[in-house]
């Protein structure tokens, strides 16, 4: 299977730069896998497509303010804090990477400075900091780790505050994600309340969204792509709710591709296993799903692993048709964009 099979044309003006004023104002395309029917509605109608005792899986990971500008000499460099390797040592992604060498001293603020101790592939570096409280410092100086296609003036405080709030689900609880599980951005407290009032069961899990989720596919043949590892956690209570639904054949709805990957990775011997684990699961057409019956997701990048997962779930031809219709009807794409509910 060729990576080029997952390409499509997207007019740049359809890439959402800001979310709607209200989260539930997003448009929602409903795609029926059995019939190929496509319905155009709004996310505020999401509840009307759900039934009592179905299980809704949400990824409650919390996005950290992982983007910061570090000063090397008199020049500023763009850094994305990926993960803490050990106390005081973080893996970061920097641009322009060629400017950052081993031994370089980087200053992020008067109380957060570090030294580059190792060069890693594709722009990544290891930095040893002067304090183990790096995350606490980032909460004061860091920005939301928006994807590069969302343009923001450097260090504008009003937009910093706005994005730190809106590039976060309302149910974010734990974890250290460096990208939002964007399918969850459409939920409001009222919609969540109404979902529970209807008798739909909400089961949270945590997958810390990292580089693996938005890692480009650089090979011609899909099967040769290797996913990076991401950490996920499923509690005993959530696993019990999911396993009961599996046993009773009640539908399981995944909010986002990250929820899908965590669920499918945790499925062993006919049940979902609780606990903290790592996954490198790569889902593309031909994959047989064990858990998920329905999927809420945003519109994804051409030739991305996320689009491949969605195509595996709904069928490539149907997804191509849906994306063509989304472009024609001027849906908003990517992180701050509209959503698709595949049923």
Protein backbone atom coordinates (compact mmCIF):
# COMPACT_ATOMS: atom_id res chain seq x y z
CA UNK A 1 0.00 0.00 0.00
CA UNK A 2 1.41 3.37 -1.03
CA UNK A 3 1.60 6.43 1.18
CA UNK A 4 0.55 8.46 -1.87
CA UNK A 5 -2.86 6.73 -1.74
CA UNK A 6 -3.63 8.87 1.31
CA UNK A 7 -2.93 12.21 -0.29
CA UNK A 8 -5.57 14.83 -0.99
CA UNK A 9 -5.68 18.51 -1.87
CA UNK A 10 -6.61 20.95 0.87
CA UNK A 11 -6.98 24.67 0.17
CA UNK A 12 -4.85 26.50 2.78
CA UNK A 13 -7.74 28.74 3.79
CA UNK A 14 -9.57 25.69 5.23
CA UNK A 15 -6.90 25.14 7.88
CA UNK A 16 -8.46 26.49 11.07
CA UNK A 17 -6.30 29.10 12.80
CA UNK A 18 -8.61 29.60 15.78
CA UNK A 19 -11.46 27.58 17.29
CA UNK A 20 -15.05 28.70 17.16
CA UNK A 21 -16.14 31.07 19.96
CA UNK A 22 -17.98 28.13 21.54
CA UNK A 23 -16.63 24.60 21.47
CA UNK A 24 -19.90 22.99 20.40
CA UNK A 25 -20.31 25.28 17.38
CA UNK A 26 -18.10 22.96 15.33
CA UNK A 27 -19.64 21.32 12.31
CA UNK A 28 -19.87 17.55 12.38
CA UNK A 29 -19.92 15.22 9.40
CA UNK A 30 -21.58 11.90 10.18
CA UNK A 31 -20.35 9.04 8.02
CA UNK A 32 -22.28 5.77 7.96
CA UNK A 33 -19.95 2.88 7.18
CA UNK A 34 -22.65 0.41 6.19
CA UNK A 35 -24.45 2.59 3.66
CA UNK A 36 -21.89 5.25 2.73
CA UNK A 37 -24.40 7.95 3.65
CA UNK A 38 -22.97 11.30 4.72
CA UNK A 39 -24.92 13.64 6.99
CA UNK A 40 -23.96 17.27 7.70
CA UNK A 41 -24.80 18.59 11.15
CA UNK A 42 -23.19 20.26 14.17
CA UNK A 43 -21.41 18.83 17.19
CA UNK A 44 -24.13 20.14 19.49
CA UNK A 45 -26.27 17.33 17.97
CA UNK A 46 -23.71 14.63 18.92
CA UNK A 47 -25.88 13.28 21.72
CA UNK A 48 -28.73 12.48 19.31
CA UNK A 49 -26.52 9.82 17.69
CA UNK A 50 -25.80 8.04 21.01
CA UNK A 51 -27.85 5.45 22.86
CA UNK A 52 -28.25 4.50 26.50
CA UNK A 53 -25.57 2.20 27.98
CA UNK A 54 -23.10 2.75 25.15
CA UNK A 55 -19.58 3.43 26.40
CA UNK A 56 -17.82 6.65 25.42
CA UNK A 57 -14.03 6.53 25.70
CA UNK A 58 -12.26 9.86 26.27
CA UNK A 59 -8.55 10.61 26.48
CA UNK A 60 -8.13 12.80 29.56
CA UNK A 61 -4.45 13.60 29.01
CA UNK A 62 -3.40 17.14 29.90
CA UNK A 63 -1.42 19.25 27.44
CA UNK A 64 1.58 20.93 29.03
CA UNK A 65 2.78 24.41 27.95
CA UNK A 66 5.56 22.66 26.06
CA UNK A 67 6.54 25.42 23.63
CA UNK A 68 9.17 27.95 24.71
CA UNK A 69 11.81 30.19 23.22
CA UNK A 70 15.34 29.69 24.43
CA UNK A 71 18.13 32.21 24.04
CA UNK A 72 21.55 31.12 22.79
CA UNK A 73 23.80 34.13 22.88
CA UNK A 74 21.71 36.87 21.30
CA UNK A 75 19.53 34.55 19.16
CA UNK A 76 16.20 32.97 20.08
CA UNK A 77 15.45 29.37 19.13
CA UNK A 78 12.08 27.61 19.11
CA UNK A 79 11.89 24.63 21.52
CA UNK A 80 9.24 21.97 22.08
CA UNK A 81 9.68 20.09 25.36
CA UNK A 82 8.87 16.47 24.52
CA UNK A 83 9.42 14.46 27.68
CA UNK A 84 11.37 14.26 30.90
CA UNK A 85 14.02 11.56 30.58
CA UNK A 86 15.14 11.86 34.22
CA UNK A 87 15.20 14.65 36.85
CA UNK A 88 16.68 17.79 35.18
CA UNK A 89 17.09 16.09 31.76
CA UNK A 90 14.50 16.66 29.03
CA UNK A 91 14.23 15.61 25.43
CA UNK A 92 13.37 18.62 23.28
CA UNK A 93 12.73 19.37 19.64
CA UNK A 94 14.33 22.57 18.39
CA UNK A 95 14.17 24.75 15.28
CA UNK A 96 16.49 25.59 13.67
CA UNK A 97 18.18 22.44 14.98
CA UNK A 98 21.47 23.06 13.22
CA UNK A 99 22.04 26.05 15.51
CA UNK A 100 21.94 23.89 18.66
CA UNK A 101 25.10 21.87 19.40
CA UNK A 102 26.45 19.84 22.31
CA UNK A 103 27.77 22.14 25.02
CA UNK A 104 25.57 25.07 24.06
CA UNK A 105 24.05 26.97 26.97
CA UNK A 106 20.38 27.87 26.53
CA UNK A 107 18.53 30.37 28.70
CA UNK A 108 14.72 30.21 28.86
CA UNK A 109 14.21 32.51 31.84
CA UNK A 110 16.30 33.83 34.74
CA UNK A 111 15.54 30.66 36.70
CA UNK A 112 15.53 28.09 33.86
CA UNK A 113 18.76 27.45 32.02
CA UNK A 114 20.23 24.33 30.49
CA UNK A 115 23.12 22.79 28.60
CA UNK A 116 22.79 20.60 25.50
CA UNK A 117 24.29 17.21 26.36
CA UNK A 118 23.31 15.10 23.36
CA UNK A 119 22.20 15.41 19.75
CA UNK A 120 19.48 13.02 18.61
CA UNK A 121 17.83 12.43 15.24
CA UNK A 122 15.44 14.75 13.42
CA UNK A 123 16.05 17.92 15.42
CA UNK A 124 15.84 16.38 18.88
CA UNK A 125 18.27 17.23 21.68
CA UNK A 126 18.79 16.30 25.32
CA UNK A 127 19.17 19.26 27.66
CA UNK A 128 20.31 19.13 31.28
CA UNK A 129 18.70 21.92 33.30
CA UNK A 130 19.75 23.80 36.40
CA UNK A 131 16.61 22.69 38.23
CA UNK A 132 14.50 19.51 38.45
CA UNK A 133 11.34 21.68 38.43
CA UNK A 134 11.32 22.24 34.68
CA UNK A 135 7.59 21.65 34.29
CA UNK A 136 6.79 24.17 37.02
CA UNK A 137 8.89 26.75 35.19
CA UNK A 138 7.19 25.94 31.88
CA UNK A 139 3.80 26.65 33.43
CA UNK A 140 4.99 30.22 33.93
CA UNK A 141 6.79 30.85 30.63
CA UNK A 142 5.59 28.17 28.21
CA UNK A 143 3.03 28.40 25.43
CA UNK A 144 0.51 25.89 24.11
CA UNK A 145 2.33 23.49 21.74
CA UNK A 146 0.26 24.43 18.72
CA UNK A 147 1.12 22.72 15.43
CA UNK A 148 3.25 24.84 13.09
CA UNK A 149 0.38 25.36 10.64
CA UNK A 150 -1.37 27.50 13.27
CA UNK A 151 0.32 30.88 13.05
CA UNK A 152 0.77 33.04 16.11
CA UNK A 153 2.75 36.25 16.70
CA UNK A 154 5.69 35.44 18.94
CA UNK A 155 5.09 35.82 22.67
CA UNK A 156 1.72 37.61 22.49
CA UNK A 157 0.25 37.28 26.00
CA UNK A 158 -3.46 37.45 25.10
CA UNK A 159 -3.12 34.64 22.56
CA UNK A 160 -0.95 32.66 24.97
CA UNK A 161 -3.73 32.68 27.56
CA UNK A 162 -6.38 31.93 24.92
CA UNK A 163 -4.55 28.92 23.47
CA UNK A 164 -3.56 27.51 26.85
CA UNK A 165 -7.27 27.30 27.61
CA UNK A 166 -8.71 26.26 24.24
CA UNK A 167 -5.97 23.83 23.17
CA UNK A 168 -7.05 21.66 26.11
CA UNK A 169 -10.10 19.45 26.59
CA UNK A 170 -12.48 20.41 29.39
CA UNK A 171 -11.90 16.98 30.95
CA UNK A 172 -8.08 17.04 30.91
CA UNK A 173 -6.89 15.56 34.19
CA UNK A 174 -3.39 14.08 34.09
CA UNK A 175 -0.41 13.23 31.93
CA UNK A 176 2.11 15.25 29.94
CA UNK A 177 0.91 15.55 26.36
CA UNK A 178 2.66 17.78 23.83
CA UNK A 179 -0.36 17.87 21.52
CA UNK A 180 -4.06 17.90 22.27
CA UNK A 181 -6.34 14.92 21.60
CA UNK A 182 -8.24 17.25 19.31
CA UNK A 183 -11.46 15.25 18.87
CA UNK A 184 -12.17 16.07 22.51
CA UNK A 185 -11.91 19.83 22.04
CA UNK A 186 -15.57 20.04 20.94
CA UNK A 187 -17.07 18.91 24.25
CA UNK A 188 -18.63 21.35 26.71
CA UNK A 189 -19.60 20.71 30.36
CA UNK A 190 -23.26 20.77 29.33
CA UNK A 191 -22.80 18.18 26.60
CA UNK A 192 -20.87 15.88 28.95
CA UNK A 193 -23.60 16.30 31.58
CA UNK A 194 -26.34 15.49 29.05
CA UNK A 195 -24.41 12.43 27.85
CA UNK A 196 -24.32 11.06 31.39
CA UNK A 197 -27.96 11.99 32.02
CA UNK A 198 -28.94 9.91 28.99
CA UNK A 199 -27.33 6.86 30.57
CA UNK A 200 -24.22 6.74 28.41
CA UNK A 201 -21.16 5.52 30.29
CA UNK A 202 -17.99 7.62 30.12
CA UNK A 203 -14.74 5.72 30.56
CA UNK A 204 -11.54 7.82 30.59
CA UNK A 205 -8.07 6.66 29.68
CA UNK A 206 -4.83 8.59 29.33
CA UNK A 207 -2.54 8.52 26.31
CA UNK A 208 0.18 11.15 26.46
CA UNK A 209 0.14 12.49 22.92
CA UNK A 210 3.69 12.81 21.64
CA UNK A 211 5.71 12.77 18.46
CA UNK A 212 4.30 9.40 17.38
CA UNK A 213 0.85 10.89 16.78
CA UNK A 214 2.03 13.56 14.35
CA UNK A 215 5.20 11.82 13.09
CA UNK A 216 5.38 12.21 9.27
CA UNK A 217 5.34 9.12 7.09
CA UNK A 218 8.56 9.33 5.10
CA UNK A 219 8.43 5.98 3.29
CA UNK A 220 6.74 5.19 -0.02
CA UNK A 221 5.16 1.98 1.26
CA UNK A 222 2.86 2.36 4.27
CA UNK A 223 3.87 -0.98 5.76
CA UNK A 224 7.48 0.16 6.20
CA UNK A 225 6.61 3.03 8.53
CA UNK A 226 7.59 2.52 12.17
CA UNK A 227 5.68 4.29 14.93
CA UNK A 228 7.43 5.90 17.88
CA UNK A 229 6.35 4.85 21.36
CA UNK A 230 3.70 6.66 23.39
CA UNK A 231 2.69 5.97 26.98
CA UNK A 232 -0.90 5.18 27.95
CA UNK A 233 -2.77 4.31 31.14
CA UNK A 234 -6.11 2.54 31.60
CA UNK A 235 -7.51 2.35 35.11
CA UNK A 236 -9.03 -0.82 36.56
CA UNK A 237 -12.45 0.87 36.69
CA UNK A 238 -12.35 1.95 33.03
CA UNK A 239 -11.14 -1.48 31.94
CA UNK A 240 -14.05 -3.06 33.85
CA UNK A 241 -16.59 -0.78 32.16
CA UNK A 242 -15.15 -1.53 28.72
CA UNK A 243 -14.93 -5.28 29.31
CA UNK A 244 -18.53 -5.40 30.54
CA UNK A 245 -19.62 -3.65 27.34
CA UNK A 246 -17.61 -6.09 25.24
CA UNK A 247 -19.19 -9.04 27.02
CA UNK A 248 -22.69 -7.63 26.60
CA UNK A 249 -22.01 -6.48 23.02
CA UNK A 250 -22.79 -2.84 23.80
CA UNK A 251 -21.21 -0.32 21.39
CA UNK A 252 -17.93 1.36 22.32
CA UNK A 253 -17.33 4.85 20.97
CA UNK A 254 -13.79 6.23 20.85
CA UNK A 255 -13.22 9.97 21.04
CA UNK A 256 -10.11 10.46 18.93
CA UNK A 257 -7.48 8.30 17.27
CA UNK A 258 -5.38 8.31 20.46
CA UNK A 259 -8.21 6.59 22.33
CA UNK A 260 -8.41 4.02 19.55
CA UNK A 261 -4.70 3.22 19.72
CA UNK A 262 -4.74 2.88 23.50
CA UNK A 263 -7.80 0.62 23.46
CA UNK A 264 -6.57 -1.61 20.67
CA UNK A 265 -3.12 -1.85 22.26
CA UNK A 266 -4.57 -2.88 25.61
CA UNK A 267 -6.72 -5.67 24.16
CA UNK A 268 -5.27 -9.06 25.07
CA UNK A 269 -6.94 -12.47 25.34
CA UNK A 270 -10.39 -11.07 24.72
CA UNK A 271 -10.29 -8.28 27.31
CA UNK A 272 -8.80 -4.83 27.87
CA UNK A 273 -5.92 -5.02 30.33
CA UNK A 274 -5.58 -2.14 32.81
CA UNK A 275 -2.28 -0.51 33.72
CA UNK A 276 0.40 1.75 32.27
CA UNK A 277 2.06 0.59 29.07
CA UNK A 278 3.72 1.85 25.90
CA UNK A 279 2.31 1.44 22.42
CA UNK A 280 3.86 1.53 18.97
CA UNK A 281 0.69 0.30 17.31
CA UNK A 282 0.35 1.48 13.71
CA UNK A 283 -3.18 1.11 12.34
CA UNK A 284 -3.70 1.26 8.58
CA UNK A 285 -6.14 -0.39 6.13
CA UNK A 286 -6.26 -4.13 6.65
CA UNK A 287 -6.18 -3.83 10.44
CA UNK A 288 -8.96 -5.73 12.24
CA UNK A 289 -10.46 -3.69 15.08
CA UNK A 290 -11.20 -5.53 18.33
CA UNK A 291 -12.78 -2.82 20.49
CA UNK A 292 -14.05 0.27 18.71
CA UNK A 293 -17.50 0.41 17.08
CA UNK A 294 -17.73 4.15 16.40
CA UNK A 295 -15.17 6.92 16.13
CA UNK A 296 -15.29 10.68 16.65
CA UNK A 297 -12.32 12.35 15.02
CA UNK A 298 -11.14 15.58 13.42
CA UNK A 299 -10.02 15.97 9.81
CA UNK A 300 -6.40 14.95 9.40
CA UNK A 301 -3.27 15.76 7.41
CA UNK A 302 -2.75 14.16 4.00
CA UNK A 303 -0.55 11.04 4.14
CA UNK A 304 -0.62 10.99 7.96
CA UNK A 305 -0.87 7.96 10.24
CA UNK A 306 -4.08 9.49 11.65
CA UNK A 307 -5.73 9.53 8.22
CA UNK A 308 -4.54 5.95 7.68
CA UNK A 309 -6.18 4.87 10.94
CA UNK A 310 -9.45 6.54 9.96
CA UNK A 311 -9.27 4.90 6.52
CA UNK A 312 -8.72 1.53 8.20
CA UNK A 313 -11.87 2.10 10.26
CA UNK A 314 -14.20 3.40 7.56
CA UNK A 315 -12.60 2.24 4.32
CA UNK A 316 -10.27 4.30 2.15
CA UNK A 317 -12.76 4.95 -0.64
CA UNK A 318 -15.43 6.20 1.75
CA UNK A 319 -12.96 8.44 3.57
CA UNK A 320 -11.74 9.91 0.29
CA UNK A 321 -15.34 10.66 -0.64
CA UNK A 322 -16.00 12.21 2.78
CA UNK A 323 -12.89 14.40 2.60
CA UNK A 324 -13.76 15.58 -0.89
CA UNK A 325 -17.19 16.56 0.37
CA UNK A 326 -15.67 18.28 3.40
CA UNK A 327 -13.45 20.38 1.14
CA UNK A 328 -16.36 21.20 -1.18
CA UNK A 329 -18.53 22.29 1.74
CA UNK A 330 -15.66 24.24 3.31
CA UNK A 331 -15.30 22.35 6.56
CA UNK A 332 -12.49 23.59 8.82
CA UNK A 333 -9.55 21.21 9.05
CA UNK A 334 -7.02 20.00 11.62
CA UNK A 335 -6.62 20.74 15.33
CA UNK A 336 -8.99 23.70 15.73
CA UNK A 337 -11.28 22.48 12.95
CA UNK A 338 -14.52 20.55 12.58
CA UNK A 339 -15.12 16.87 13.27
CA UNK A 340 -16.34 13.63 11.75
CA UNK A 341 -18.38 10.92 13.49
CA UNK A 342 -17.97 7.53 11.85
CA UNK A 343 -20.77 5.13 12.79
